[in-house]
Amino acid sequence: MNSKKELWILLASFVLPIVLGTAFFYWNPTAFTGSTVNYGQFVNPVITTEQQDVIFTNDAQNKSSLQGLWTLAYVTNDCEKACRQTLKDMKTIRILTNENMRRIQSLLLTGESVQGLDSSILLARGSEELLQKLQKFPNNRLFLIDPLGNVMLHYEPKDLIIKRVIKDLKRLFKYSRIG
């Protein structure tokens, strides 16, 4: 082979994969984003919370915050049998994350006072602004809030499979540098 052919073959071997990859990405943009590996449903757009959006009502209110920890938040108007079961599931999820247990907190966001709660569950009321944002979801939802205060995933508590929530959390813990 002469040197010009060798140069063109060498150049094509480096440039051709980039050109083909870029063309495939623009002609078929949903090929890589069509499915996800998470079990919870994404909150889209993400709901951001501020310090004043969550008013803690139990005795831990002075040291409680959504900042810095992953939060499993159950939002309901009244805490009856289904609520109590979800609170037990949240405690189980927290315990089963083993060494990452300290990275998670449980929160019950409700409008009424609830008696007989486990001491590990924080009780809070939501601000009107936050409750308006959460009204687009059906009542009695389990939400995952990241350490920056962003509501990012939600789960249906009736069909809650604890192993799937734990898998989501472990994946987030693996890639998260915060919380």
C-alpha atoms as a PDB file:
ATOM      1  CA  MET A   1       0.000   0.000   0.000  1.00  0.00           C
ATOM      2  CA  ASN A   2       1.116   3.475  -0.611  1.00  0.00           C
ATOM      3  CA  SER A   3       1.353   5.987   2.195  1.00  0.00           C
ATOM      4  CA  LYS A   4      -1.799   7.959   1.192  1.00  0.00           C
ATOM      5  CA  LYS A   5      -4.028   4.891   1.527  1.00  0.00           C
ATOM      6  CA  GLU A   6      -2.507   4.080   4.899  1.00  0.00           C
ATOM      7  CA  LEU A   7      -3.118   7.636   6.076  1.00  0.00           C
ATOM      8  CA  TRP A   8      -6.767   7.561   4.971  1.00  0.00           C
ATOM      9  CA  ILE A   9      -7.385   4.157   6.577  1.00  0.00           C
ATOM     10  CA  LEU A  10      -5.782   5.315   9.815  1.00  0.00           C
ATOM     11  CA  LEU A  11      -7.780   8.559   9.795  1.00  0.00           C
ATOM     12  CA  ALA A  12     -11.043   6.735   9.024  1.00  0.00           C
ATOM     13  CA  SER A  13     -10.482   4.256  11.869  1.00  0.00           C
ATOM     14  CA  PHE A  14     -10.460   7.138  14.356  1.00  0.00           C
ATOM     15  CA  VAL A  15     -13.038   9.481  12.822  1.00  0.00           C
ATOM     16  CA  LEU A  16     -15.624   7.002  11.516  1.00  0.00           C
ATOM     17  CA  PRO A  17     -16.745   5.661  14.958  1.00  0.00           C
ATOM     18  CA  ILE A  18     -17.252   9.215  16.229  1.00  0.00           C
ATOM     19  CA  VAL A  19     -19.273  10.212  13.174  1.00  0.00           C
ATOM     20  CA  LEU A  20     -21.405   7.056  13.259  1.00  0.00           C
ATOM     21  CA  GLY A  21     -22.015   7.361  17.020  1.00  0.00           C
ATOM     22  CA  THR A  22     -23.044  11.003  16.714  1.00  0.00           C
ATOM     23  CA  ALA A  23     -25.338  10.269  13.778  1.00  0.00           C
ATOM     24  CA  PHE A  24     -26.980   7.378  15.658  1.00  0.00           C
ATOM     25  CA  PHE A  25     -27.500   9.581  18.713  1.00  0.00           C
ATOM     26  CA  TYR A  26     -29.232  12.331  16.733  1.00  0.00           C
ATOM     27  CA  TRP A  27     -31.306  10.031  14.496  1.00  0.00           C
ATOM     28  CA  ASN A  28     -32.504   7.864  17.378  1.00  0.00           C
ATOM     29  CA  PRO A  29     -32.371   9.962  20.576  1.00  0.00           C
ATOM     30  CA  THR A  30     -34.633   7.669  22.627  1.00  0.00           C
ATOM     31  CA  ALA A  31     -32.432   4.603  22.177  1.00  0.00           C
ATOM     32  CA  PHE A  32     -30.491   5.284  25.376  1.00  0.00           C
ATOM     33  CA  THR A  33     -33.183   6.925  27.505  1.00  0.00           C
ATOM     34  CA  GLY A  34     -36.190   4.744  26.770  1.00  0.00           C
ATOM     35  CA  SER A  35     -35.969   2.697  29.954  1.00  0.00           C
ATOM     36  CA  THR A  36     -34.608   3.234  33.434  1.00  0.00           C
ATOM     37  CA  VAL A  37     -33.478   0.848  36.134  1.00  0.00           C
ATOM     38  CA  ASN A  38     -35.270   2.514  39.041  1.00  0.00           C
ATOM     39  CA  TYR A  39     -38.426   1.075  40.543  1.00  0.00           C
ATOM     40  CA  GLY A  40     -39.906   4.319  41.838  1.00  0.00           C
ATOM     41  CA  GLN A  41     -41.429   6.813  39.451  1.00  0.00           C
ATOM     42  CA  PHE A  42     -39.557  10.048  38.841  1.00  0.00           C
ATOM     43  CA  VAL A  43     -41.126  13.288  39.998  1.00  0.00           C
ATOM     44  CA  ASN A  44     -40.968  15.409  36.880  1.00  0.00           C
ATOM     45  CA  PRO A  45     -40.320  18.289  37.266  1.00  0.00           C
ATOM     46  CA  VAL A  46     -38.413  17.849  40.496  1.00  0.00           C
ATOM     47  CA  ILE A  47     -40.063  19.579  43.456  1.00  0.00           C
ATOM     48  CA  THR A  48     -37.569  21.558  45.511  1.00  0.00           C
ATOM     49  CA  THR A  49     -38.204  22.157  49.192  1.00  0.00           C
ATOM     50  CA  GLU A  50     -36.924  24.912  51.435  1.00  0.00           C
ATOM     51  CA  GLN A  51     -36.412  24.914  55.198  1.00  0.00           C
ATOM     52  CA  GLN A  52     -39.732  26.731  55.756  1.00  0.00           C
ATOM     53  CA  ASP A  53     -41.706  24.212  53.622  1.00  0.00           C
ATOM     54  CA  VAL A  54     -41.599  21.524  56.319  1.00  0.00           C
ATOM     55  CA  ILE A  55     -42.635  22.481  59.854  1.00  0.00           C
ATOM     56  CA  PHE A  56     -41.614  19.756  62.299  1.00  0.00           C
ATOM     57  CA  THR A  57     -44.164  19.155  65.052  1.00  0.00           C
ATOM     58  CA  ASN A  58     -42.642  16.472  67.261  1.00  0.00           C
ATOM     59  CA  ASP A  59     -40.000  16.915  69.954  1.00  0.00           C
ATOM     60  CA  ALA A  60     -37.089  16.556  67.485  1.00  0.00           C
ATOM     61  CA  GLN A  61     -38.032  19.736  65.626  1.00  0.00           C
ATOM     62  CA  ASN A  62     -34.953  21.690  66.722  1.00  0.00           C
ATOM     63  CA  LYS A  63     -32.470  19.282  65.180  1.00  0.00           C
ATOM     64  CA  SER A  64     -34.572  18.115  62.217  1.00  0.00           C
ATOM     65  CA  SER A  65     -34.062  19.155  58.628  1.00  0.00           C
ATOM     66  CA  LEU A  66     -34.413  17.753  55.128  1.00  0.00           C
ATOM     67  CA  GLN A  67     -30.899  18.917  54.314  1.00  0.00           C
ATOM     68  CA  GLY A  68     -28.050  16.424  54.496  1.00  0.00           C
ATOM     69  CA  LEU A  69     -30.014  13.160  54.692  1.00  0.00           C
ATOM     70  CA  TRP A  70     -32.066  11.062  52.318  1.00  0.00           C
ATOM     71  CA  THR A  71     -35.679  11.243  53.451  1.00  0.00           C
ATOM     72  CA  LEU A  72     -38.487   8.747  52.994  1.00  0.00           C
ATOM     73  CA  ALA A  73     -41.559  10.962  53.340  1.00  0.00           C
ATOM     74  CA  TYR A  74     -45.100   9.644  53.555  1.00  0.00           C
ATOM     75  CA  VAL A  75     -47.707  12.279  52.706  1.00  0.00           C
ATOM     76  CA  THR A  76     -51.272  11.762  53.926  1.00  0.00           C
ATOM     77  CA  ASN A  77     -54.203  13.645  55.378  1.00  0.00           C
ATOM     78  CA  ASP A  78     -55.013  11.101  58.062  1.00  0.00           C
ATOM     79  CA  CYS A  79     -52.963   8.233  59.432  1.00  0.00           C
ATOM     80  CA  GLU A  80     -55.070   5.088  59.571  1.00  0.00           C
ATOM     81  CA  LYS A  81     -54.299   1.401  59.003  1.00  0.00           C
ATOM     82  CA  ALA A  82     -52.622   1.799  55.589  1.00  0.00           C
ATOM     83  CA  CYS A  83     -50.553   4.683  56.923  1.00  0.00           C
ATOM     84  CA  ARG A  84     -49.372   2.647  59.906  1.00  0.00           C
ATOM     85  CA  GLN A  85     -48.352  -0.213  57.615  1.00  0.00           C
ATOM     86  CA  THR A  86     -46.379   2.150  55.376  1.00  0.00           C
ATOM     87  CA  LEU A  87     -44.646   3.615  58.433  1.00  0.00           C
ATOM     88  CA  LYS A  88     -43.627   0.069  59.445  1.00  0.00           C
ATOM     89  CA  ASP A  89     -42.353  -0.526  55.900  1.00  0.00           C
ATOM     90  CA  MET A  90     -40.336   2.704  56.070  1.00  0.00           C
ATOM     91  CA  LYS A  91     -38.739   1.558  59.335  1.00  0.00           C
ATOM     92  CA  THR A  92     -37.969  -1.845  57.788  1.00  0.00           C
ATOM     93  CA  ILE A  93     -36.410  -0.196  54.723  1.00  0.00           C
ATOM     94  CA  ARG A  94     -34.258   1.972  56.949  1.00  0.00           C
ATOM     95  CA  ILE A  95     -33.070  -1.010  59.010  1.00  0.00           C
ATOM     96  CA  LEU A  96     -32.353  -3.199  55.975  1.00  0.00           C
ATOM     97  CA  THR A  97     -30.018  -0.638  54.420  1.00  0.00           C
ATOM     98  CA  ASN A  98     -27.492  -1.747  57.076  1.00  0.00           C
ATOM     99  CA  GLU A  99     -24.495   0.567  57.262  1.00  0.00           C
ATOM    100  CA  ASN A 100     -26.335   3.271  55.309  1.00  0.00           C
ATOM    101  CA  MET A 101     -29.099   3.459  57.911  1.00  0.00           C
ATOM    102  CA  ARG A 102     -27.678   6.723  59.251  1.00  0.00           C
ATOM    103  CA  ARG A 103     -28.044   8.307  55.817  1.00  0.00           C
ATOM    104  CA  ILE A 104     -31.856   7.921  55.830  1.00  0.00           C
ATOM    105  CA  GLN A 105     -34.584   9.526  57.893  1.00  0.00           C
ATOM    106  CA  SER A 106     -38.308   8.799  57.918  1.00  0.00           C
ATOM    107  CA  LEU A 107     -40.876  11.590  57.798  1.00  0.00           C
ATOM    108  CA  LEU A 108     -44.649  11.610  58.127  1.00  0.00           C
ATOM    109  CA  LEU A 109     -46.057  14.725  56.466  1.00  0.00           C
ATOM    110  CA  THR A 110     -49.622  15.105  57.668  1.00  0.00           C
ATOM    111  CA  GLY A 111     -52.067  17.752  58.746  1.00  0.00           C
ATOM    112  CA  GLU A 112     -53.137  16.064  61.975  1.00  0.00           C
ATOM    113  CA  SER A 113     -51.320  15.032  65.121  1.00  0.00           C
ATOM    114  CA  VAL A 114     -50.608  11.315  65.335  1.00  0.00           C
ATOM    115  CA  GLN A 115     -50.228   9.400  68.583  1.00  0.00           C
ATOM    116  CA  GLY A 116     -48.111   6.325  69.136  1.00  0.00           C
ATOM    117  CA  LEU A 117     -45.467   6.988  66.476  1.00  0.00           C
ATOM    118  CA  ASP A 118     -42.085   5.343  66.602  1.00  0.00           C
ATOM    119  CA  SER A 119     -39.443   7.761  67.866  1.00  0.00           C
ATOM    120  CA  SER A 120     -37.403   7.347  64.665  1.00  0.00           C
ATOM    121  CA  ILE A 121     -40.205   8.840  62.535  1.00  0.00           C
ATOM    122  CA  LEU A 122     -40.305  12.606  62.278  1.00  0.00           C
ATOM    123  CA  LEU A 123     -43.716  14.244  62.232  1.00  0.00           C
ATOM    124  CA  ALA A 124     -44.231  17.433  60.223  1.00  0.00           C
ATOM    125  CA  ARG A 125     -46.747  19.676  58.504  1.00  0.00           C
ATOM    126  CA  GLY A 126     -46.174  20.939  54.996  1.00  0.00           C
ATOM    127  CA  SER A 127     -46.455  24.551  53.920  1.00  0.00           C
ATOM    128  CA  GLU A 128     -49.331  25.530  51.613  1.00  0.00           C
ATOM    129  CA  GLU A 129     -46.887  25.937  48.718  1.00  0.00           C
ATOM    130  CA  LEU A 130     -45.411  22.459  49.159  1.00  0.00           C
ATOM    131  CA  LEU A 131     -48.833  20.849  49.588  1.00  0.00           C
ATOM    132  CA  GLN A 132     -50.046  22.500  46.365  1.00  0.00           C
ATOM    133  CA  LYS A 133     -47.074  21.032  44.496  1.00  0.00           C
ATOM    134  CA  LEU A 134     -47.727  17.589  45.958  1.00  0.00           C
ATOM    135  CA  GLN A 135     -51.462  17.686  45.136  1.00  0.00           C
ATOM    136  CA  LYS A 136     -50.796  16.586  41.564  1.00  0.00           C
ATOM    137  CA  PHE A 137     -50.013  13.150  43.029  1.00  0.00           C
ATOM    138  CA  PRO A 138     -52.699  10.963  44.588  1.00  0.00           C
ATOM    139  CA  ASN A 139     -53.001  11.113  48.369  1.00  0.00           C
ATOM    140  CA  ASN A 140     -51.069   8.639  50.514  1.00  0.00           C
ATOM    141  CA  ARG A 141     -47.817   8.567  48.558  1.00  0.00           C
ATOM    142  CA  LEU A 142     -44.313   7.629  49.643  1.00  0.00           C
ATOM    143  CA  PHE A 143     -41.727  10.108  48.361  1.00  0.00           C
ATOM    144  CA  LEU A 144     -37.934   9.967  48.319  1.00  0.00           C
ATOM    145  CA  ILE A 145     -36.292  13.316  49.006  1.00  0.00           C
ATOM    146  CA  ASP A 146     -32.587  13.751  48.302  1.00  0.00           C
ATOM    147  CA  PRO A 147     -30.139  15.420  50.751  1.00  0.00           C
ATOM    148  CA  LEU A 148     -30.536  18.757  48.970  1.00  0.00           C
ATOM    149  CA  GLY A 149     -34.297  18.772  49.602  1.00  0.00           C
ATOM    150  CA  ASN A 150     -35.466  17.754  46.112  1.00  0.00           C
ATOM    151  CA  VAL A 151     -38.457  15.418  45.885  1.00  0.00           C
ATOM    152  CA  MET A 152     -37.240  13.003  43.236  1.00  0.00           C
ATOM    153  CA  LEU A 153     -39.053   9.622  43.355  1.00  0.00           C
ATOM    154  CA  HIS A 154     -42.486   8.463  44.462  1.00  0.00           C
ATOM    155  CA  TYR A 155     -43.924   5.046  45.215  1.00  0.00           C
ATOM    156  CA  GLU A 156     -47.433   3.668  45.522  1.00  0.00           C
ATOM    157  CA  PRO A 157     -47.590   2.304  49.097  1.00  0.00           C
ATOM    158  CA  LYS A 158     -50.283  -0.285  48.291  1.00  0.00           C
ATOM    159  CA  ASP A 159     -47.951  -2.049  45.859  1.00  0.00           C
ATOM    160  CA  LEU A 160     -44.757  -1.272  47.789  1.00  0.00           C
ATOM    161  CA  ILE A 161     -42.098  -3.935  47.491  1.00  0.00           C
ATOM    162  CA  ILE A 162     -39.451  -3.208  50.094  1.00  0.00           C
ATOM    163  CA  LYS A 163     -36.639  -4.897  48.161  1.00  0.00           C
ATOM    164  CA  ARG A 164     -37.184  -2.579  45.207  1.00  0.00           C
ATOM    165  CA  VAL A 165     -37.039   0.558  47.341  1.00  0.00           C
ATOM    166  CA  ILE A 166     -33.841  -0.723  48.938  1.00  0.00           C
ATOM    167  CA  LYS A 167     -32.335  -1.375  45.501  1.00  0.00           C
ATOM    168  CA  ASP A 168     -33.147   2.198  44.466  1.00  0.00           C
ATOM    169  CA  LEU A 169     -31.610   3.550  47.665  1.00  0.00           C
ATOM    170  CA  LYS A 170     -28.459   1.432  47.396  1.00  0.00           C
ATOM    171  CA  ARG A 171     -27.962   2.573  43.804  1.00  0.00           C
ATOM    172  CA  LEU A 172     -28.358   6.188  44.894  1.00  0.00           C
ATOM    173  CA  PHE A 173     -25.964   5.697  47.825  1.00  0.00           C
ATOM    174  CA  LYS A 174     -23.388   4.174  45.508  1.00  0.00           C
ATOM    175  CA  TYR A 175     -23.331   7.125  43.127  1.00  0.00           C
ATOM    176  CA  SER A 176     -24.165   9.949  45.547  1.00  0.00           C
ATOM    177  CA  ARG A 177     -21.410  11.965  47.167  1.00  0.00           C
ATOM    178  CA  ILE A 178     -23.841  13.858  49.357  1.00  0.00           C
ATOM    179  CA  GLY A 179     -25.879  12.630  52.314  1.00  0.00           C
END
